[in-house]
N, C-alpha and C. Protein backbone atom coordinates (compact mmCIF):
# COMPACT_ATOMS: atom_id res chain seq x y z
N UNK A 1 -18.43 24.02 12.62
CA UNK A 1 -17.82 22.94 12.13
C UNK A 1 -16.67 23.21 12.12
N UNK A 2 -15.50 22.19 12.97
CA UNK A 2 -14.36 22.63 13.39
C UNK A 2 -13.21 22.79 12.29
N UNK A 3 -11.97 23.59 12.43
CA UNK A 3 -11.46 23.83 11.70
C UNK A 3 -10.34 22.23 10.79
N UNK A 4 -10.60 21.64 11.55
CA UNK A 4 -10.00 20.05 11.29
C UNK A 4 -10.91 19.32 10.05
N UNK A 5 -12.22 19.66 10.48
CA UNK A 5 -13.54 19.06 9.63
C UNK A 5 -13.82 19.81 8.66
N UNK A 6 -13.06 21.05 7.91
CA UNK A 6 -14.13 21.67 7.18
C UNK A 6 -14.02 21.13 5.71
N UNK A 7 -14.90 21.26 4.61
CA UNK A 7 -15.13 21.02 3.34
C UNK A 7 -13.60 20.77 2.58
N UNK A 8 -13.12 21.98 2.75
CA UNK A 8 -11.53 21.88 2.21
C UNK A 8 -10.70 20.86 2.34
N UNK A 9 -10.49 20.35 3.70
CA UNK A 9 -9.71 19.41 4.21
C UNK A 9 -10.25 18.10 3.79
N UNK A 10 -11.66 17.83 3.46
CA UNK A 10 -12.01 16.93 2.92
C UNK A 10 -11.80 16.83 1.73
N UNK A 11 -11.74 17.59 0.81
CA UNK A 11 -11.83 17.56 -0.63
C UNK A 11 -10.05 17.38 -0.78
N UNK A 12 -9.33 18.03 -0.01
CA UNK A 12 -7.77 17.61 0.32
C UNK A 12 -7.55 16.34 0.48
N UNK A 13 -8.10 15.52 1.38
CA UNK A 13 -8.15 13.99 1.61
C UNK A 13 -8.21 13.42 0.33
N UNK A 14 -9.39 13.85 -0.49
CA UNK A 14 -9.70 13.10 -1.23
C UNK A 14 -8.77 13.13 -2.62
N UNK A 15 -8.21 14.28 -2.60
CA UNK A 15 -7.29 14.58 -3.57
C UNK A 15 -5.83 14.11 -3.34
N UNK A 16 -5.40 13.69 -1.87
CA UNK A 16 -4.45 12.78 -1.62
C UNK A 16 -4.57 11.64 -2.00
N UNK A 17 -5.75 10.69 -1.74
CA UNK A 17 -6.23 9.48 -1.65
C UNK A 17 -6.11 9.06 -3.42
N UNK A 18 -6.20 10.07 -4.20
CA UNK A 18 -6.45 9.82 -5.68
C UNK A 18 -5.13 9.62 -5.96
N UNK A 19 -4.07 10.78 -5.38
CA UNK A 19 -2.68 10.77 -5.89
C UNK A 19 -1.95 9.52 -5.45
N UNK A 20 -2.03 9.04 -4.09
CA UNK A 20 -1.76 7.87 -3.64
C UNK A 20 -1.94 6.54 -4.06
N UNK A 21 -3.27 6.88 -4.61
CA UNK A 21 -3.67 5.43 -5.43
C UNK A 21 -2.86 4.99 -6.60
N UNK A 22 -2.14 6.29 -7.25
CA UNK A 22 -1.18 5.98 -8.39
C UNK A 22 0.08 5.70 -7.83
N UNK A 23 0.44 6.87 -7.18
CA UNK A 23 2.03 6.87 -6.84
C UNK A 23 2.15 5.77 -5.80
N UNK A 24 1.36 5.35 -4.95
CA UNK A 24 1.64 4.67 -3.81
C UNK A 24 2.00 3.07 -3.90
N UNK A 25 1.96 2.80 -5.31
CA UNK A 25 1.92 1.28 -5.66
C UNK A 25 3.54 0.83 -5.36
N UNK A 26 3.94 -0.48 -5.46
CA UNK A 26 5.19 -0.85 -5.39
C UNK A 26 5.95 -0.35 -6.27
N UNK A 27 5.63 0.01 -7.94
CA UNK A 27 6.73 0.17 -8.81
C UNK A 27 6.56 1.77 -9.12
N UNK A 28 5.57 2.47 -8.99
CA UNK A 28 5.35 3.80 -9.72
C UNK A 28 6.79 4.76 -9.14
N UNK A 29 6.69 4.90 -7.62
CA UNK A 29 7.67 5.40 -7.47
C UNK A 29 9.12 5.09 -7.89
N UNK A 30 9.35 3.72 -7.99
CA UNK A 30 10.58 3.52 -8.40
C UNK A 30 10.90 4.32 -10.11
N UNK A 31 9.62 3.84 -10.93
CA UNK A 31 10.02 4.24 -12.39
C UNK A 31 9.70 5.83 -12.40
N UNK A 32 9.20 6.51 -11.69
CA UNK A 32 9.15 8.03 -11.60
C UNK A 32 10.46 8.59 -11.37
N UNK A 33 10.70 7.77 -10.24
CA UNK A 33 12.64 8.19 -9.79
C UNK A 33 13.72 8.09 -10.73
N UNK A 34 13.12 6.97 -11.58
CA UNK A 34 14.16 6.24 -12.80
C UNK A 34 14.17 7.50 -13.86
N UNK A 35 13.16 7.79 -14.14
CA UNK A 35 12.73 8.84 -15.49
C UNK A 35 13.33 9.96 -14.79
N UNK A 36 13.27 10.30 -13.55
CA UNK A 36 13.46 11.70 -13.36
C UNK A 36 15.14 12.19 -13.37
N UNK A 37 15.84 11.03 -13.89
CA UNK A 37 17.28 10.94 -14.50
C UNK A 37 17.28 11.17 -16.12
N UNK A 38 15.94 11.13 -16.69
CA UNK A 38 16.12 11.35 -18.18
C UNK A 38 15.15 10.52 -18.52
N UNK A 39 14.86 10.38 -20.07
CA UNK A 39 14.21 9.81 -21.03
C UNK A 39 14.90 8.11 -21.16
N UNK A 40 13.67 6.98 -21.12
CA UNK A 40 14.57 5.90 -20.75
C UNK A 40 13.50 5.08 -21.95
N UNK A 41 14.44 4.00 -22.45
CA UNK A 41 13.45 3.11 -23.05
C UNK A 41 12.70 1.88 -22.26
N UNK A 42 11.78 1.17 -23.13
CA UNK A 42 10.84 0.43 -22.22
C UNK A 42 11.88 -0.80 -21.40
N UNK A 43 12.58 -0.91 -22.56
CA UNK A 43 13.80 -2.02 -22.12
C UNK A 43 14.30 -1.58 -20.92
N UNK A 44 15.22 -0.44 -21.07
CA UNK A 44 16.06 0.00 -19.98
C UNK A 44 15.20 0.08 -19.07
N UNK A 45 14.07 0.27 -18.92
CA UNK A 45 13.38 0.24 -17.22
C UNK A 45 13.14 -0.92 -16.92
N UNK A 46 12.60 -1.79 -17.59
CA UNK A 46 12.82 -3.29 -17.28
C UNK A 46 13.69 -3.54 -16.71
N UNK A 47 14.88 -3.54 -17.50
CA UNK A 47 16.32 -4.38 -16.71
C UNK A 47 16.33 -3.45 -15.80
N UNK A 48 16.27 -2.54 -15.41
CA UNK A 48 16.80 -1.52 -14.19
C UNK A 48 15.58 -1.80 -12.92
N UNK A 49 14.67 -2.29 -13.00
CA UNK A 49 14.06 -2.29 -12.24
C UNK A 49 13.45 -3.91 -12.07
N UNK A 50 14.39 -4.29 -10.92
CA UNK A 50 14.46 -6.03 -10.35
C UNK A 50 13.06 -6.13 -9.87
N UNK A 51 12.76 -7.34 -10.49
CA UNK A 51 11.41 -8.23 -10.42
C UNK A 51 10.06 -7.64 -10.86
N UNK A 52 10.50 -6.49 -11.74
CA UNK A 52 9.41 -6.06 -12.54
C UNK A 52 8.84 -7.00 -13.72
N UNK A 53 7.68 -7.52 -14.03
CA UNK A 53 7.24 -8.03 -14.95
C UNK A 53 7.06 -7.18 -16.14
N UNK A 54 7.08 -7.58 -17.65
CA UNK A 54 6.77 -6.90 -18.25
C UNK A 54 5.24 -6.47 -18.15
N UNK A 55 4.49 -7.17 -17.96
CA UNK A 55 3.01 -6.48 -17.90
C UNK A 55 2.89 -5.57 -16.86
N UNK A 56 3.49 -5.81 -15.67
CA UNK A 56 3.10 -4.91 -14.63
C UNK A 56 3.81 -3.71 -14.92
N UNK A 57 5.00 -3.44 -15.55
CA UNK A 57 5.71 -2.41 -16.30
C UNK A 57 4.93 -1.73 -17.18
N UNK A 58 4.37 -2.33 -18.26
CA UNK A 58 3.43 -1.77 -19.16
C UNK A 58 2.26 -0.99 -18.50
N UNK A 59 1.58 -1.98 -17.49
CA UNK A 59 0.15 -1.27 -16.57
C UNK A 59 0.43 -0.34 -15.76
N UNK A 60 1.90 -0.20 -15.15
CA UNK A 60 2.50 1.19 -14.48
C UNK A 60 2.44 2.08 -15.40
N UNK A 61 3.40 1.95 -16.43
CA UNK A 61 3.44 3.46 -17.32
C UNK A 61 2.22 3.60 -17.97
N UNK A 62 1.22 2.62 -18.23
CA UNK A 62 -0.08 3.34 -18.85
C UNK A 62 -0.69 4.38 -17.91
N UNK A 63 -1.13 3.97 -16.79
CA UNK A 63 -1.43 4.47 -15.65
C UNK A 63 -0.80 5.87 -15.15
N UNK A 64 0.41 5.77 -15.47
CA UNK A 64 1.40 7.27 -15.10
C UNK A 64 1.27 8.10 -16.28
N UNK A 65 0.95 7.59 -17.50
CA UNK A 65 1.15 8.25 -18.76
C UNK A 65 -0.75 8.98 -18.55
N UNK A 66 -1.85 7.95 -18.49
CA UNK A 66 -3.11 8.45 -17.85
C UNK A 66 -3.20 9.62 -17.01
N UNK A 67 -2.69 9.79 -16.21
CA UNK A 67 -2.54 10.34 -15.26
C UNK A 67 -1.71 11.71 -15.36
N UNK A 68 -1.22 11.93 -16.62
CA UNK A 68 -0.34 13.36 -17.30
C UNK A 68 0.84 13.28 -16.19
N UNK A 69 1.70 12.14 -15.76
CA UNK A 69 3.06 12.13 -15.13
C UNK A 69 4.15 11.78 -16.12
N UNK A 70 3.78 10.87 -17.15
CA UNK A 70 4.41 10.29 -18.22
C UNK A 70 4.15 10.44 -19.68
N UNK A 71 5.21 10.93 -20.29
CA UNK A 71 4.70 11.02 -22.01
C UNK A 71 5.32 9.52 -22.53
N UNK A 72 4.95 9.32 -23.57
CA UNK A 72 5.16 8.07 -24.34
C UNK A 72 5.37 8.18 -25.80
N UNK A 73 6.61 7.87 -26.20
CA UNK A 73 7.14 8.50 -27.67
C UNK A 73 7.13 7.07 -28.33
N UNK A 74 6.45 6.94 -29.45
CA UNK A 74 6.95 5.82 -30.21
C UNK A 74 7.58 6.20 -31.76
N UNK A 75 8.61 5.26 -31.89
CA UNK A 75 9.45 5.60 -33.00
C UNK A 75 9.26 4.74 -34.12
N UNK A 76 9.29 5.03 -35.54
CA UNK A 76 8.71 4.12 -36.12
C UNK A 76 9.83 3.33 -37.07
N UNK A 77 10.56 2.38 -36.17
CA UNK A 77 11.86 1.68 -36.49
C UNK A 77 11.74 -0.05 -36.38
N UNK A 78 12.49 -0.45 -37.13
CA UNK A 78 12.10 -2.05 -36.66
C UNK A 78 13.49 -2.10 -36.11
N UNK A 79 13.24 -3.13 -34.62
CA UNK A 79 12.00 -2.97 -34.24
C UNK A 79 11.54 -1.63 -33.82
N UNK A 80 10.46 -1.68 -33.29
CA UNK A 80 9.80 -0.42 -32.83
C UNK A 80 10.46 0.18 -31.50
N UNK A 81 10.72 1.56 -31.23
CA UNK A 81 11.27 2.13 -29.95
C UNK A 81 10.46 2.44 -29.61
N UNK A 82 10.19 2.40 -28.27
CA UNK A 82 9.24 3.39 -27.55
C UNK A 82 10.22 4.07 -26.12
N UNK A 83 10.04 4.95 -26.18
CA UNK A 83 10.71 6.04 -25.13
C UNK A 83 9.82 6.43 -24.09
N UNK A 84 10.00 6.37 -22.75
CA UNK A 84 9.31 7.37 -21.94
C UNK A 84 10.10 8.49 -21.07
N UNK A 85 9.05 9.57 -20.90
CA UNK A 85 9.78 10.34 -19.82
C UNK A 85 8.83 11.34 -19.33
N UNK A 86 9.64 12.04 -18.15
CA UNK A 86 8.38 12.95 -17.31
C UNK A 86 8.18 13.65 -17.86
N UNK A 87 6.61 14.10 -17.80
CA UNK A 87 5.99 15.23 -18.25
C UNK A 87 6.32 16.43 -16.90
N UNK A 88 6.03 17.45 -17.15
CA UNK A 88 6.50 18.94 -16.49
C UNK A 88 5.84 18.31 -15.07
N UNK A 89 4.34 17.94 -15.37
CA UNK A 89 3.86 17.54 -13.72
C UNK A 89 4.70 16.59 -13.36
N UNK A 90 5.11 15.35 -13.99
CA UNK A 90 5.88 14.45 -13.32
C UNK A 90 7.11 15.04 -12.40
N UNK A 91 7.62 15.89 -13.40
CA UNK A 91 8.70 16.39 -12.76
C UNK A 91 8.50 16.92 -11.17
N UNK A 92 7.31 17.41 -11.11
CA UNK A 92 7.16 18.01 -9.97
C UNK A 92 7.02 17.17 -8.50
N UNK A 93 6.88 15.67 -9.12
CA UNK A 93 6.68 14.55 -8.07
C UNK A 93 7.61 14.15 -7.81
N UNK A 94 8.97 14.56 -8.31
CA UNK A 94 10.13 14.11 -7.81
C UNK A 94 10.58 14.89 -6.48
N UNK A 95 9.96 15.97 -5.94
CA UNK A 95 10.43 16.55 -5.13
C UNK A 95 10.01 15.57 -3.72
N UNK A 96 8.70 15.41 -3.86
CA UNK A 96 8.30 14.70 -2.46
C UNK A 96 8.31 13.38 -2.54
N UNK A 97 8.92 13.00 -3.45
CA UNK A 97 9.64 11.36 -3.84
C UNK A 97 10.95 11.74 -3.20
N UNK A 98 11.76 12.61 -3.43
CA UNK A 98 12.86 12.30 -3.27
C UNK A 98 13.12 12.94 -1.42
N UNK A 99 11.97 13.56 -0.73
CA UNK A 99 11.94 13.89 0.32
C UNK A 99 11.61 12.61 1.40
N UNK A 100 10.38 11.63 0.39
CA UNK A 100 10.40 10.28 1.10
C UNK A 100 11.33 9.74 1.31
N UNK A 101 12.16 9.50 0.28
CA UNK A 101 13.23 8.48 0.26
C UNK A 101 14.58 8.95 1.21
N UNK A 102 14.73 9.97 1.29
CA UNK A 102 15.40 10.85 2.25
C UNK A 102 14.87 10.11 3.70
N UNK A 103 13.38 10.38 4.09
CA UNK A 103 13.21 10.15 5.03
C UNK A 103 13.09 8.64 5.65
N UNK A 104 13.26 8.04 4.42
CA UNK A 104 13.33 6.36 4.52
C UNK A 104 14.57 6.13 4.71
N UNK A 105 15.36 6.45 4.13
CA UNK A 105 16.87 6.66 4.14
C UNK A 105 17.55 6.44 5.84
N UNK A 106 16.87 8.08 6.34
CA UNK A 106 17.34 8.34 7.83
C UNK A 106 16.38 7.35 8.95
N UNK A 107 15.72 7.11 8.68
CA UNK A 107 14.44 6.32 9.61
C UNK A 107 14.59 4.48 9.53
N UNK A 108 14.98 3.97 8.36
CA UNK A 108 14.98 2.66 7.90
C UNK A 108 15.50 1.63 9.77
N UNK A 109 16.36 2.20 9.85
CA UNK A 109 16.78 1.46 11.25
C UNK A 109 15.94 1.77 12.50
N UNK A 110 15.33 3.16 12.76
CA UNK A 110 14.21 3.13 13.54
C UNK A 110 13.22 2.34 13.48
N UNK A 111 12.69 2.08 12.02
CA UNK A 111 11.40 1.74 11.87
C UNK A 111 11.66 -0.01 12.04
N UNK A 112 12.79 -0.14 11.27
CA UNK A 112 13.30 -1.58 11.79
C UNK A 112 13.17 -2.04 13.11
N UNK A 113 13.66 -1.43 14.03
CA UNK A 113 13.90 -1.56 15.55
C UNK A 113 12.21 -2.06 15.87
N UNK A 114 11.51 -0.47 15.65
CA UNK A 114 9.97 -0.50 16.08
C UNK A 114 9.20 -2.03 15.71
N UNK A 115 9.46 -2.28 14.49
CA UNK A 115 8.64 -3.61 14.31
C UNK A 115 9.26 -4.85 15.07
N UNK A 116 10.47 -4.92 15.29
CA UNK A 116 10.94 -6.04 16.18
C UNK A 116 10.55 -5.76 17.11
N UNK A 117 10.42 -4.47 17.92
CA UNK A 117 10.13 -4.51 19.19
C UNK A 117 8.44 -5.04 19.44
N UNK A 118 7.50 -4.71 18.22
CA UNK A 118 6.30 -4.77 18.50
C UNK A 118 6.29 -6.40 18.09
N UNK A 119 7.14 -6.73 17.39
CA UNK A 119 6.63 -8.32 17.12
C UNK A 119 7.28 -9.21 18.17
N UNK A 120 8.01 -8.87 18.88
CA UNK A 120 8.86 -9.47 20.48
C UNK A 120 7.65 -9.24 21.24
N UNK A 121 6.99 -8.32 21.15
CA UNK A 121 5.83 -7.76 22.61
C UNK A 121 4.50 -8.67 22.03
N UNK A 122 4.35 -8.87 20.92
CA UNK A 122 3.19 -9.64 20.23
C UNK A 122 3.38 -11.09 20.61
N UNK A 123 4.63 -11.71 20.65
CA UNK A 123 5.08 -13.13 20.85
C UNK A 123 4.67 -13.45 22.01
N UNK A 124 5.43 -12.20 23.21
CA UNK A 124 5.37 -12.71 24.67
C UNK A 124 3.97 -12.39 25.15
N UNK A 125 3.19 -11.88 24.37
CA UNK A 125 1.56 -11.70 24.88
C UNK A 125 0.80 -12.89 24.48
N UNK A 126 1.29 -13.63 23.47
CA UNK A 126 0.54 -14.91 22.94
C UNK A 126 1.12 -16.06 23.71
N UNK A 127 2.76 -15.91 23.98
CA UNK A 127 2.86 -17.11 25.15
C UNK A 127 2.00 -16.93 26.30
N UNK A 128 2.04 -15.86 26.87
CA UNK A 128 1.73 -15.48 27.92
C UNK A 128 0.20 -16.12 27.82
N UNK A 129 -0.29 -15.69 27.22
CA UNK A 129 -2.03 -16.16 26.66
C UNK A 129 -2.00 -17.70 26.52
N UNK A 130 -0.73 -18.28 26.41
CA UNK A 130 -1.10 -19.95 25.77
C UNK A 130 -1.51 -19.98 24.63
N UNK A 131 -1.10 -19.08 23.88
CA UNK A 131 -1.27 -19.13 22.24
C UNK A 131 0.03 -19.11 21.53
N UNK A 132 -0.02 -20.16 20.30
CA UNK A 132 0.81 -19.65 19.59
C UNK A 132 0.42 -19.32 18.30
N UNK A 133 1.39 -18.11 17.67
CA UNK A 133 0.86 -17.87 16.27
C UNK A 133 -0.20 -16.45 16.63
N UNK A 134 -0.78 -16.11 15.90
CA UNK A 134 -2.07 -15.03 15.62
C UNK A 134 -3.25 -15.12 16.37
N UNK A 135 -3.31 -14.34 17.44
CA UNK A 135 -4.75 -14.52 17.82
C UNK A 135 -5.76 -15.03 17.47
N UNK A 136 -6.85 -15.69 18.06
CA UNK A 136 -8.08 -15.83 17.56
C UNK A 136 -8.67 -14.54 17.15
N UNK A 137 -9.84 -14.55 16.31
CA UNK A 137 -10.51 -13.22 16.50
C UNK A 137 -11.49 -13.39 17.39
N UNK A 138 -11.89 -12.27 17.84
CA UNK A 138 -13.04 -12.26 18.87
C UNK A 138 -14.52 -11.90 18.24
N UNK A 139 -15.41 -12.23 18.92
CA UNK A 139 -16.69 -12.08 18.31
C UNK A 139 -17.46 -13.33 17.64
N UNK A 140 -18.03 -12.87 16.46
CA UNK A 140 -18.93 -13.98 15.92
C UNK A 140 -18.02 -14.66 15.05
N UNK A 141 -18.40 -15.80 14.72
CA UNK A 141 -17.31 -16.64 13.94
C UNK A 141 -17.61 -15.95 12.24
N UNK A 142 -16.46 -16.53 11.36
CA UNK A 142 -16.58 -15.88 9.89
C UNK A 142 -18.02 -17.09 9.39
N UNK A 143 -18.35 -16.14 8.71
CA UNK A 143 -19.42 -17.04 7.73
C UNK A 143 -19.03 -18.10 7.19
N UNK A 144 -19.65 -19.17 7.55
CA UNK A 144 -19.40 -20.28 6.72
C UNK A 144 -18.57 -21.30 7.50
N UNK A 145 -18.32 -20.45 8.83
CA UNK A 145 -17.17 -21.15 9.73
C UNK A 145 -17.91 -21.91 10.71
N UNK A 146 -17.37 -22.97 11.17
CA UNK A 146 -18.53 -23.87 12.10
C UNK A 146 -18.51 -22.72 13.61
N UNK A 147 -19.55 -22.79 14.07
CA UNK A 147 -19.67 -22.30 15.29
C UNK A 147 -19.32 -23.36 16.69
N UNK A 148 -18.03 -22.89 17.29
CA UNK A 148 -17.56 -23.88 18.42
C UNK A 148 -17.90 -23.48 19.66
N UNK A 149 -18.42 -22.23 19.55
CA UNK A 149 -18.78 -21.66 21.11
C UNK A 149 -19.39 -22.59 21.54
N UNK A 150 -19.41 -22.75 22.96
CA UNK A 150 -20.20 -23.69 23.97
C UNK A 150 -21.27 -23.00 24.37
N UNK A 151 -22.43 -23.45 24.74
CA UNK A 151 -23.76 -23.03 25.28
C UNK A 151 -23.94 -23.23 26.70
N UNK A 152 -24.42 -22.55 27.33
CA UNK A 152 -24.33 -23.20 28.93
C UNK A 152 -25.72 -24.02 28.75
N UNK A 153 -25.64 -25.14 29.63
CA UNK A 153 -26.44 -26.12 29.69
C UNK A 153 -27.74 -25.48 29.98
N UNK A 154 -29.10 -25.89 29.60
CA UNK A 154 -30.32 -25.51 30.05
C UNK A 154 -30.72 -26.02 31.29
N UNK A 155 -31.27 -25.41 32.21
CA UNK A 155 -31.77 -25.96 33.21
C UNK A 155 -33.38 -26.53 33.02
N UNK A 156 -33.85 -27.24 33.92
CA UNK A 156 -35.15 -27.69 34.02
C UNK A 156 -36.06 -26.92 35.07
N UNK A 157 -35.26 -26.07 35.55
CA UNK A 157 -35.61 -25.37 36.89
C UNK A 157 -36.70 -24.41 36.11
N UNK A 158 -37.87 -23.92 36.97
CA UNK A 158 -38.68 -22.80 36.44
C UNK A 158 -37.92 -21.58 36.38
N UNK A 159 -38.52 -20.89 35.65
CA UNK A 159 -37.79 -19.13 35.25
C UNK A 159 -38.38 -18.52 36.28
N UNK A 160 -39.43 -18.67 36.87
CA UNK A 160 -39.52 -17.37 38.19
C UNK A 160 -40.87 -18.04 38.74
N UNK A 161 -40.99 -17.32 40.02
CA UNK A 161 -42.23 -17.91 40.78
C UNK A 161 -43.30 -18.22 40.06
N UNK A 162 -43.94 -19.38 40.73
CA UNK A 162 -45.37 -19.90 40.19
C UNK A 162 -45.21 -20.76 38.92
N UNK A 163 -44.18 -21.21 38.80
CA UNK A 163 -43.97 -22.37 37.07
C UNK A 163 -43.96 -23.15 37.53
């Protein structure tokens, strides 16, 4: 077995995928970064994260709590007060998140330029092929789609000698 494909790297990939399923979504990184500044109430988080719904904030916080990254403290007040903060494990996530944020900030213009170049090349390729928009899929048609491929007309000529 090659060094790149040993059991350890498979386990590492599984662990990475598992963590990315949690922190790789649209909202988790923002929430962890905000909680990295200190304890926040639910309403503070909601006001600080533009575009997040109450339901999505609740679901994301519950997932982060389930994974041991966030603690939730409920105070018996009227109205009830709920605070969220990072656990020790959650604090350790700030290092890679900060590194990713730094990388994104440094490379944002380069990535945008690459996207624009790719999109321009795709548009030129589509125009050269006489197509507008997304190229059609090759191969079999989708299930349920009408097959518009033309079959060659059948010949009445015999298939072989003596027929």
